[in-house]
Every structure is written in structure tokens, then in C-alpha cells.
Amino acid sequence: LYLNAFDDTSSKSSPEYRKKSKDEKNSI
């Protein structure tokens, strides 16, 4: 529950998302 609520932005988007997305920002 804590992770879902307060997670930081260190996780990267998946390669599949980066291929499809025009969003250059990698961090969430």
C-alpha cells in the first residue's frame, strides 16, 4: 500500500512503452 502511494520516480518505463510513446521522459 505504501509503495503504491509514495513510490519515487526511479523506476523506468518499459521498452514497449518507450517504443509506442512520444513522451521522451523516461521516469514516471
PDB file of all heavy atoms in Angstrom:
ATOM      1  N   LEU A   1       0.838  -1.208   0.000  1.00  0.00           N
ATOM      2  CA  LEU A   1       0.000   0.000   0.000  1.00  0.00           C
ATOM      3  C   LEU A   1       0.869   1.253   0.000  1.00  0.00           C
ATOM      4  O   LEU A   1       0.587   2.225  -0.695  1.00  0.00           O
ATOM      5  CB  LEU A   1      -0.910   0.016   1.226  1.00  0.00           C
ATOM      6  CG  LEU A   1      -2.036  -1.022   1.305  1.00  0.00           C
ATOM      7  CD1 LEU A   1      -2.920  -0.729   2.510  1.00  0.00           C
ATOM      8  CD2 LEU A   1      -2.882  -1.036   0.050  1.00  0.00           C
ATOM      9  N   TYR A   2       1.921   1.229   0.822  1.00  0.00           N
ATOM     10  CA  TYR A   2       2.828   2.379   0.921  1.00  0.00           C
ATOM     11  C   TYR A   2       3.498   2.646  -0.431  1.00  0.00           C
ATOM     12  O   TYR A   2       3.595   3.789  -0.883  1.00  0.00           O
ATOM     13  CB  TYR A   2       3.881   2.089   2.003  1.00  0.00           C
ATOM     14  CG  TYR A   2       4.989   3.108   2.064  1.00  0.00           C
ATOM     15  CD1 TYR A   2       4.870   4.250   2.856  1.00  0.00           C
ATOM     16  CD2 TYR A   2       6.163   2.947   1.324  1.00  0.00           C
ATOM     17  CE1 TYR A   2       5.887   5.196   2.909  1.00  0.00           C
ATOM     18  CE2 TYR A   2       7.178   3.887   1.376  1.00  0.00           C
ATOM     19  CZ  TYR A   2       7.033   5.013   2.169  1.00  0.00           C
ATOM     20  OH  TYR A   2       8.040   5.940   2.207  1.00  0.00           O
ATOM     21  N   LEU A   3       3.986   1.586  -1.078  1.00  0.00           N
ATOM     22  CA  LEU A   3       4.679   1.723  -2.361  1.00  0.00           C
ATOM     23  C   LEU A   3       3.753   2.312  -3.418  1.00  0.00           C
ATOM     24  O   LEU A   3       4.134   3.213  -4.169  1.00  0.00           O
ATOM     25  CB  LEU A   3       5.181   0.343  -2.816  1.00  0.00           C
ATOM     26  CG  LEU A   3       5.971   0.299  -4.127  1.00  0.00           C
ATOM     27  CD1 LEU A   3       7.352   0.932  -3.933  1.00  0.00           C
ATOM     28  CD2 LEU A   3       6.123  -1.133  -4.623  1.00  0.00           C
ATOM     29  N   ASN A   4       2.529   1.836  -3.479  1.00  0.00           N
ATOM     30  CA  ASN A   4       1.549   2.355  -4.428  1.00  0.00           C
ATOM     31  C   ASN A   4       1.295   3.841  -4.192  1.00  0.00           C
ATOM     32  O   ASN A   4       1.074   4.608  -5.121  1.00  0.00           O
ATOM     33  CB  ASN A   4       0.241   1.567  -4.294  1.00  0.00           C
ATOM     34  CG  ASN A   4      -0.816   2.028  -5.268  1.00  0.00           C
ATOM     35  OD1 ASN A   4      -0.609   2.069  -6.461  1.00  0.00           O
ATOM     36  ND2 ASN A   4      -1.963   2.422  -4.745  1.00  0.00           N
ATOM     37  N   ALA A   5       1.366   4.260  -2.934  1.00  0.00           N
ATOM     38  CA  ALA A   5       1.032   5.642  -2.571  1.00  0.00           C
ATOM     39  C   ALA A   5       2.210   6.599  -2.679  1.00  0.00           C
ATOM     40  O   ALA A   5       2.060   7.739  -3.114  1.00  0.00           O
ATOM     41  CB  ALA A   5       0.485   5.669  -1.140  1.00  0.00           C
ATOM     42  N   PHE A   6       3.412   6.152  -2.254  1.00  0.00           N
ATOM     43  CA  PHE A   6       4.536   7.081  -2.076  1.00  0.00           C
ATOM     44  C   PHE A   6       5.787   6.721  -2.884  1.00  0.00           C
ATOM     45  O   PHE A   6       6.866   7.221  -2.585  1.00  0.00           O
ATOM     46  CB  PHE A   6       4.939   7.128  -0.596  1.00  0.00           C
ATOM     47  CG  PHE A   6       3.918   7.789   0.298  1.00  0.00           C
ATOM     48  CD1 PHE A   6       3.056   7.039   1.084  1.00  0.00           C
ATOM     49  CD2 PHE A   6       3.831   9.175   0.371  1.00  0.00           C
ATOM     50  CE1 PHE A   6       2.130   7.644   1.920  1.00  0.00           C
ATOM     51  CE2 PHE A   6       2.903   9.795   1.206  1.00  0.00           C
ATOM     52  CZ  PHE A   6       2.049   9.022   1.974  1.00  0.00           C
ATOM     53  N   ASP A   7       5.668   5.871  -3.885  1.00  0.00           N
ATOM     54  CA  ASP A   7       6.851   5.454  -4.633  1.00  0.00           C
ATOM     55  C   ASP A   7       7.555   6.649  -5.272  1.00  0.00           C
ATOM     56  O   ASP A   7       6.914   7.620  -5.671  1.00  0.00           O
ATOM     57  CB  ASP A   7       6.444   4.452  -5.721  1.00  0.00           C
ATOM     58  CG  ASP A   7       7.650   3.808  -6.394  1.00  0.00           C
ATOM     59  OD1 ASP A   7       8.678   3.625  -5.721  1.00  0.00           O
ATOM     60  OD2 ASP A   7       7.558   3.489  -7.591  1.00  0.00           O
ATOM     61  N   ASP A   8       8.884   6.561  -5.358  1.00  0.00           N
ATOM     62  CA  ASP A   8       9.656   7.620  -6.016  1.00  0.00           C
ATOM     63  C   ASP A   8       9.603   7.435  -7.540  1.00  0.00           C
ATOM     64  O   ASP A   8       8.842   6.602  -8.049  1.00  0.00           O
ATOM     65  CB  ASP A   8      11.104   7.636  -5.499  1.00  0.00           C
ATOM     66  CG  ASP A   8      11.829   6.303  -5.711  1.00  0.00           C
ATOM     67  OD1 ASP A   8      11.548   5.631  -6.731  1.00  0.00           O
ATOM     68  OD2 ASP A   8      12.668   5.930  -4.873  1.00  0.00           O
ATOM     69  N   THR A   9      10.424   8.191  -8.268  1.00  0.00           N
ATOM     70  CA  THR A   9      10.361   8.162  -9.736  1.00  0.00           C
ATOM     71  C   THR A   9      11.523   7.394 -10.361  1.00  0.00           C
ATOM     72  O   THR A   9      11.811   7.561 -11.537  1.00  0.00           O
ATOM     73  CB  THR A   9      10.352   9.601 -10.303  1.00  0.00           C
ATOM     74  OG1 THR A   9      11.583  10.246  -9.934  1.00  0.00           O
ATOM     75  CG2 THR A   9       9.179  10.398  -9.770  1.00  0.00           C
ATOM     76  N   SER A  10      12.196   6.551  -9.555  1.00  0.00           N
ATOM     77  CA  SER A  10      13.406   5.897 -10.067  1.00  0.00           C
ATOM     78  C   SER A  10      13.116   4.770 -11.061  1.00  0.00           C
ATOM     79  O   SER A  10      13.989   4.369 -11.818  1.00  0.00           O
ATOM     80  CB  SER A  10      14.239   5.347  -8.905  1.00  0.00           C
ATOM     81  OG  SER A  10      13.496   4.398  -8.169  1.00  0.00           O
ATOM     82  N   SER A  11      11.889   4.273 -11.066  1.00  0.00           N
ATOM     83  CA  SER A  11      11.547   3.188 -11.989  1.00  0.00           C
ATOM     84  C   SER A  11      11.446   3.716 -13.428  1.00  0.00           C
ATOM     85  O   SER A  11      10.975   4.823 -13.650  1.00  0.00           O
ATOM     86  CB  SER A  11      10.214   2.580 -11.565  1.00  0.00           C
ATOM     87  OG  SER A  11       9.790   1.653 -12.528  1.00  0.00           O
ATOM     88  N   LYS A  12      11.904   2.918 -14.371  1.00  0.00           N
ATOM     89  CA  LYS A  12      11.845   3.319 -15.782  1.00  0.00           C
ATOM     90  C   LYS A  12      10.623   2.714 -16.461  1.00  0.00           C
ATOM     91  O   LYS A  12      10.121   1.676 -16.057  1.00  0.00           O
ATOM     92  CB  LYS A  12      13.111   2.861 -16.525  1.00  0.00           C
ATOM     93  CG  LYS A  12      14.397   3.440 -15.964  1.00  0.00           C
ATOM     94  CD  LYS A  12      14.413   4.942 -16.087  1.00  0.00           C
ATOM     95  CE  LYS A  12      15.676   5.543 -15.499  1.00  0.00           C
ATOM     96  NZ  LYS A  12      15.478   6.893 -14.996  1.00  0.00           N
ATOM     97  N   SER A  13      10.203   3.360 -17.538  1.00  0.00           N
ATOM     98  CA  SER A  13       9.121   2.770 -18.321  1.00  0.00           C
ATOM     99  C   SER A  13       9.671   1.584 -19.106  1.00  0.00           C
ATOM    100  O   SER A  13      10.877   1.467 -19.339  1.00  0.00           O
ATOM    101  CB  SER A  13       8.510   3.806 -19.257  1.00  0.00           C
ATOM    102  OG  SER A  13       9.525   4.505 -19.925  1.00  0.00           O
ATOM    103  N   SER A  14       8.783   0.712 -19.530  1.00  0.00           N
ATOM    104  CA  SER A  14       9.211  -0.493 -20.243  1.00  0.00           C
ATOM    105  C   SER A  14       9.651  -0.136 -21.665  1.00  0.00           C
ATOM    106  O   SER A  14       9.223   0.879 -22.221  1.00  0.00           O
ATOM    107  CB  SER A  14       8.065  -1.498 -20.305  1.00  0.00           C
ATOM    108  OG  SER A  14       7.037  -0.995 -21.145  1.00  0.00           O
ATOM    109  N   PRO A  15      10.497  -0.982 -22.286  1.00  0.00           N
ATOM    110  CA  PRO A  15      10.912  -0.717 -23.680  1.00  0.00           C
ATOM    111  C   PRO A  15       9.707  -0.616 -24.622  1.00  0.00           C
ATOM    112  O   PRO A  15       9.691   0.196 -25.543  1.00  0.00           O
ATOM    113  CB  PRO A  15      11.772  -1.943 -24.026  1.00  0.00           C
ATOM    114  CG  PRO A  15      12.245  -2.473 -22.710  1.00  0.00           C
ATOM    115  CD  PRO A  15      11.168  -2.154 -21.716  1.00  0.00           C
ATOM    116  N   GLU A  16       8.664  -1.439 -24.362  1.00  0.00           N
ATOM    117  CA  GLU A  16       7.470  -1.408 -25.208  1.00  0.00           C
ATOM    118  C   GLU A  16       6.788  -0.036 -25.137  1.00  0.00           C
ATOM    119  O   GLU A  16       6.357   0.519 -26.140  1.00  0.00           O
ATOM    120  CB  GLU A  16       6.463  -2.484 -24.753  1.00  0.00           C
ATOM    121  CG  GLU A  16       6.934  -3.905 -24.978  1.00  0.00           C
ATOM    122  CD  GLU A  16       7.725  -4.450 -23.795  1.00  0.00           C
ATOM    123  OE1 GLU A  16       8.221  -3.637 -22.973  1.00  0.00           O
ATOM    124  OE2 GLU A  16       7.864  -5.670 -23.701  1.00  0.00           O
ATOM    125  N   TYR A  17       6.730   0.525 -23.916  1.00  0.00           N
ATOM    126  CA  TYR A  17       6.106   1.834 -23.735  1.00  0.00           C
ATOM    127  C   TYR A  17       6.918   2.902 -24.459  1.00  0.00           C
ATOM    128  O   TYR A  17       6.366   3.784 -25.117  1.00  0.00           O
ATOM    129  CB  TYR A  17       6.015   2.169 -22.245  1.00  0.00           C
ATOM    130  CG  TYR A  17       5.407   3.521 -21.953  1.00  0.00           C
ATOM    131  CD1 TYR A  17       4.034   3.675 -21.831  1.00  0.00           C
ATOM    132  CD2 TYR A  17       6.204   4.662 -21.817  1.00  0.00           C
ATOM    133  CE1 TYR A  17       3.466   4.923 -21.578  1.00  0.00           C
ATOM    134  CE2 TYR A  17       5.654   5.904 -21.568  1.00  0.00           C
ATOM    135  CZ  TYR A  17       4.288   6.026 -21.449  1.00  0.00           C
ATOM    136  OH  TYR A  17       3.734   7.256 -21.206  1.00  0.00           O
ATOM    137  N   ARG A  18       8.229   2.812 -24.336  1.00  0.00           N
ATOM    138  CA  ARG A  18       9.096   3.832 -24.958  1.00  0.00           C
ATOM    139  C   ARG A  18       8.991   3.797 -26.480  1.00  0.00           C
ATOM    140  O   ARG A  18       9.069   4.818 -27.146  1.00  0.00           O
ATOM    141  CB  ARG A  18      10.545   3.641 -24.503  1.00  0.00           C
ATOM    142  CG  ARG A  18      10.751   3.961 -23.043  1.00  0.00           C
ATOM    143  CD  ARG A  18      12.205   4.267 -22.717  1.00  0.00           C
ATOM    144  NE  ARG A  18      13.071   3.111 -22.799  1.00  0.00           N
ATOM    145  CZ  ARG A  18      13.263   2.236 -21.808  1.00  0.00           C
ATOM    146  NH1 ARG A  18      12.612   2.378 -20.663  1.00  0.00           N
ATOM    147  NH2 ARG A  18      14.087   1.226 -21.944  1.00  0.00           N
ATOM    148  N   LYS A  19       8.793   2.606 -27.030  1.00  0.00           N
ATOM    149  CA  LYS A  19       8.631   2.480 -28.484  1.00  0.00           C
ATOM    150  C   LYS A  19       7.349   3.163 -28.952  1.00  0.00           C
ATOM    151  O   LYS A  19       7.310   3.869 -29.944  1.00  0.00           O
ATOM    152  CB  LYS A  19       8.573   0.997 -28.863  1.00  0.00           C
ATOM    153  CG  LYS A  19       9.910   0.434 -29.325  1.00  0.00           C
ATOM    154  CD  LYS A  19       9.739  -0.997 -29.794  1.00  0.00           C
ATOM    155  CE  LYS A  19      10.895  -1.856 -29.275  1.00  0.00           C
ATOM    156  NZ  LYS A  19      10.577  -3.272 -29.217  1.00  0.00           N
ATOM    157  N   LYS A  20       6.277   2.938 -28.192  1.00  0.00           N
ATOM    158  CA  LYS A  20       4.952   3.451 -28.587  1.00  0.00           C
ATOM    159  C   LYS A  20       4.765   4.926 -28.253  1.00  0.00           C
ATOM    160  O   LYS A  20       4.011   5.623 -28.886  1.00  0.00           O
ATOM    161  CB  LYS A  20       3.855   2.642 -27.875  1.00  0.00           C
ATOM    162  CG  LYS A  20       3.595   1.297 -28.509  1.00  0.00           C
ATOM    163  CD  LYS A  20       2.376   0.630 -27.896  1.00  0.00           C
ATOM    164  CE  LYS A  20       2.618   0.171 -26.475  1.00  0.00           C
ATOM    165  NZ  LYS A  20       1.589  -0.716 -25.938  1.00  0.00           N
ATOM    166  N   SER A  21       5.459   5.389 -27.196  1.00  0.00           N
ATOM    167  CA  SER A  21       5.172   6.718 -26.668  1.00  0.00           C
ATOM    168  C   SER A  21       6.020   7.794 -27.311  1.00  0.00           C
ATOM    169  O   SER A  21       7.194   7.593 -27.598  1.00  0.00           O
ATOM    170  CB  SER A  21       5.408   6.712 -25.156  1.00  0.00           C
ATOM    171  OG  SER A  21       5.329   8.016 -24.657  1.00  0.00           O
ATOM    172  N   LYS A  22       5.396   8.963 -27.504  1.00  0.00           N
ATOM    173  CA  LYS A  22       6.167  10.117 -27.983  1.00  0.00           C
ATOM    174  C   LYS A  22       6.820  10.830 -26.805  1.00  0.00           C
ATOM    175  O   LYS A  22       7.614  11.743 -26.962  1.00  0.00           O
ATOM    176  CB  LYS A  22       5.240  11.087 -28.725  1.00  0.00           C
ATOM    177  CG  LYS A  22       4.598  10.487 -29.966  1.00  0.00           C
ATOM    178  CD  LYS A  22       3.779  11.532 -30.697  1.00  0.00           C
ATOM    179  CE  LYS A  22       3.098  10.988 -31.929  1.00  0.00           C
ATOM    180  NZ  LYS A  22       1.987  10.080 -31.653  1.00  0.00           N
ATOM    181  N   ASP A  23       6.432  10.417 -25.600  1.00  0.00           N
ATOM    182  CA  ASP A  23       6.936  11.047 -24.382  1.00  0.00           C
ATOM    183  C   ASP A  23       8.399  10.661 -24.174  1.00  0.00           C
ATOM    184  O   ASP A  23       8.720   9.504 -23.953  1.00  0.00           O
ATOM    185  CB  ASP A  23       6.085  10.564 -23.193  1.00  0.00           C
ATOM    186  CG  ASP A  23       6.503  11.225 -21.886  1.00  0.00           C
ATOM    187  OD1 ASP A  23       7.401  12.088 -21.930  1.00  0.00           O
ATOM    188  OD2 ASP A  23       5.929  10.874 -20.849  1.00  0.00           O
ATOM    189  N   GLU A  24       9.257  11.631 -24.255  1.00  0.00           N
ATOM    190  CA  GLU A  24      10.694  11.342 -24.125  1.00  0.00           C
ATOM    191  C   GLU A  24      11.085  11.106 -22.672  1.00  0.00           C
ATOM    192  O   GLU A  24      12.116  10.535 -22.379  1.00  0.00           O
ATOM    193  CB  GLU A  24      11.522  12.510 -24.690  1.00  0.00           C
ATOM    194  CG  GLU A  24      11.399  12.679 -26.193  1.00  0.00           C
ATOM    195  CD  GLU A  24      11.836  11.431 -26.949  1.00  0.00           C
ATOM    196  OE1 GLU A  24      12.907  10.901 -26.654  1.00  0.00           O
ATOM    197  OE2 GLU A  24      11.079  10.975 -27.826  1.00  0.00           O
ATOM    198  N   LYS A  25      10.247  11.597 -21.750  1.00  0.00           N
ATOM    199  CA  LYS A  25      10.590  11.456 -20.335  1.00  0.00           C
ATOM    200  C   LYS A  25      10.503   9.992 -19.941  1.00  0.00           C
ATOM    201  O   LYS A  25       9.477   9.360 -20.089  1.00  0.00           O
ATOM    202  CB  LYS A  25       9.644  12.289 -19.463  1.00  0.00           C
ATOM    203  CG  LYS A  25       9.930  13.767 -19.510  1.00  0.00           C
ATOM    204  CD  LYS A  25       9.183  14.514 -18.423  1.00  0.00           C
ATOM    205  CE  LYS A  25       7.686  14.365 -18.576  1.00  0.00           C
ATOM    206  NZ  LYS A  25       6.920  15.190 -17.653  1.00  0.00           N
ATOM    207  N   ASN A  26      11.613   9.489 -19.451  1.00  0.00           N
ATOM    208  CA  ASN A  26      11.680   8.076 -19.124  1.00  0.00           C
ATOM    209  C   ASN A  26      11.070   7.780 -17.763  1.00  0.00           C
ATOM    210  O   ASN A  26      10.490   6.728 -17.531  1.00  0.00           O
ATOM    211  CB  ASN A  26      13.156   7.649 -19.143  1.00  0.00           C
ATOM    212  CG  ASN A  26      13.282   6.163 -19.387  1.00  0.00           C
ATOM    213  OD1 ASN A  26      12.279   5.470 -19.478  1.00  0.00           O
ATOM    214  ND2 ASN A  26      14.500   5.687 -19.466  1.00  0.00           N
ATOM    215  N   SER A  27      11.210   8.729 -16.832  1.00  0.00           N
ATOM    216  CA  SER A  27      10.769   8.485 -15.461  1.00  0.00           C
ATOM    217  C   SER A  27       9.268   8.665 -15.308  1.00  0.00           C
ATOM    218  O   SER A  27       8.641   9.439 -16.025  1.00  0.00           O
ATOM    219  CB  SER A  27      11.491   9.426 -14.490  1.00  0.00           C
ATOM    220  OG  SER A  27      12.828   9.043 -14.354  1.00  0.00           O
ATOM    221  N   ILE A  28       8.715   7.951 -14.340  1.00  0.00           N
ATOM    222  CA  ILE A  28       7.290   8.053 -14.042  1.00  0.00           C
ATOM    223  C   ILE A  28       7.052   9.156 -13.010  1.00  0.00           C
ATOM    224  O   ILE A  28       7.999   9.686 -12.432  1.00  0.00           O
ATOM    225  CB  ILE A  28       6.759   6.697 -13.520  1.00  0.00           C
ATOM    226  CG1 ILE A  28       7.603   6.216 -12.338  1.00  0.00           C
ATOM    227  CG2 ILE A  28       6.739   5.668 -14.614  1.00  0.00           C
ATOM    228  CD1 ILE A  28       7.148   4.891 -11.756  1.00  0.00           C
TER     229      ILE A  28
END
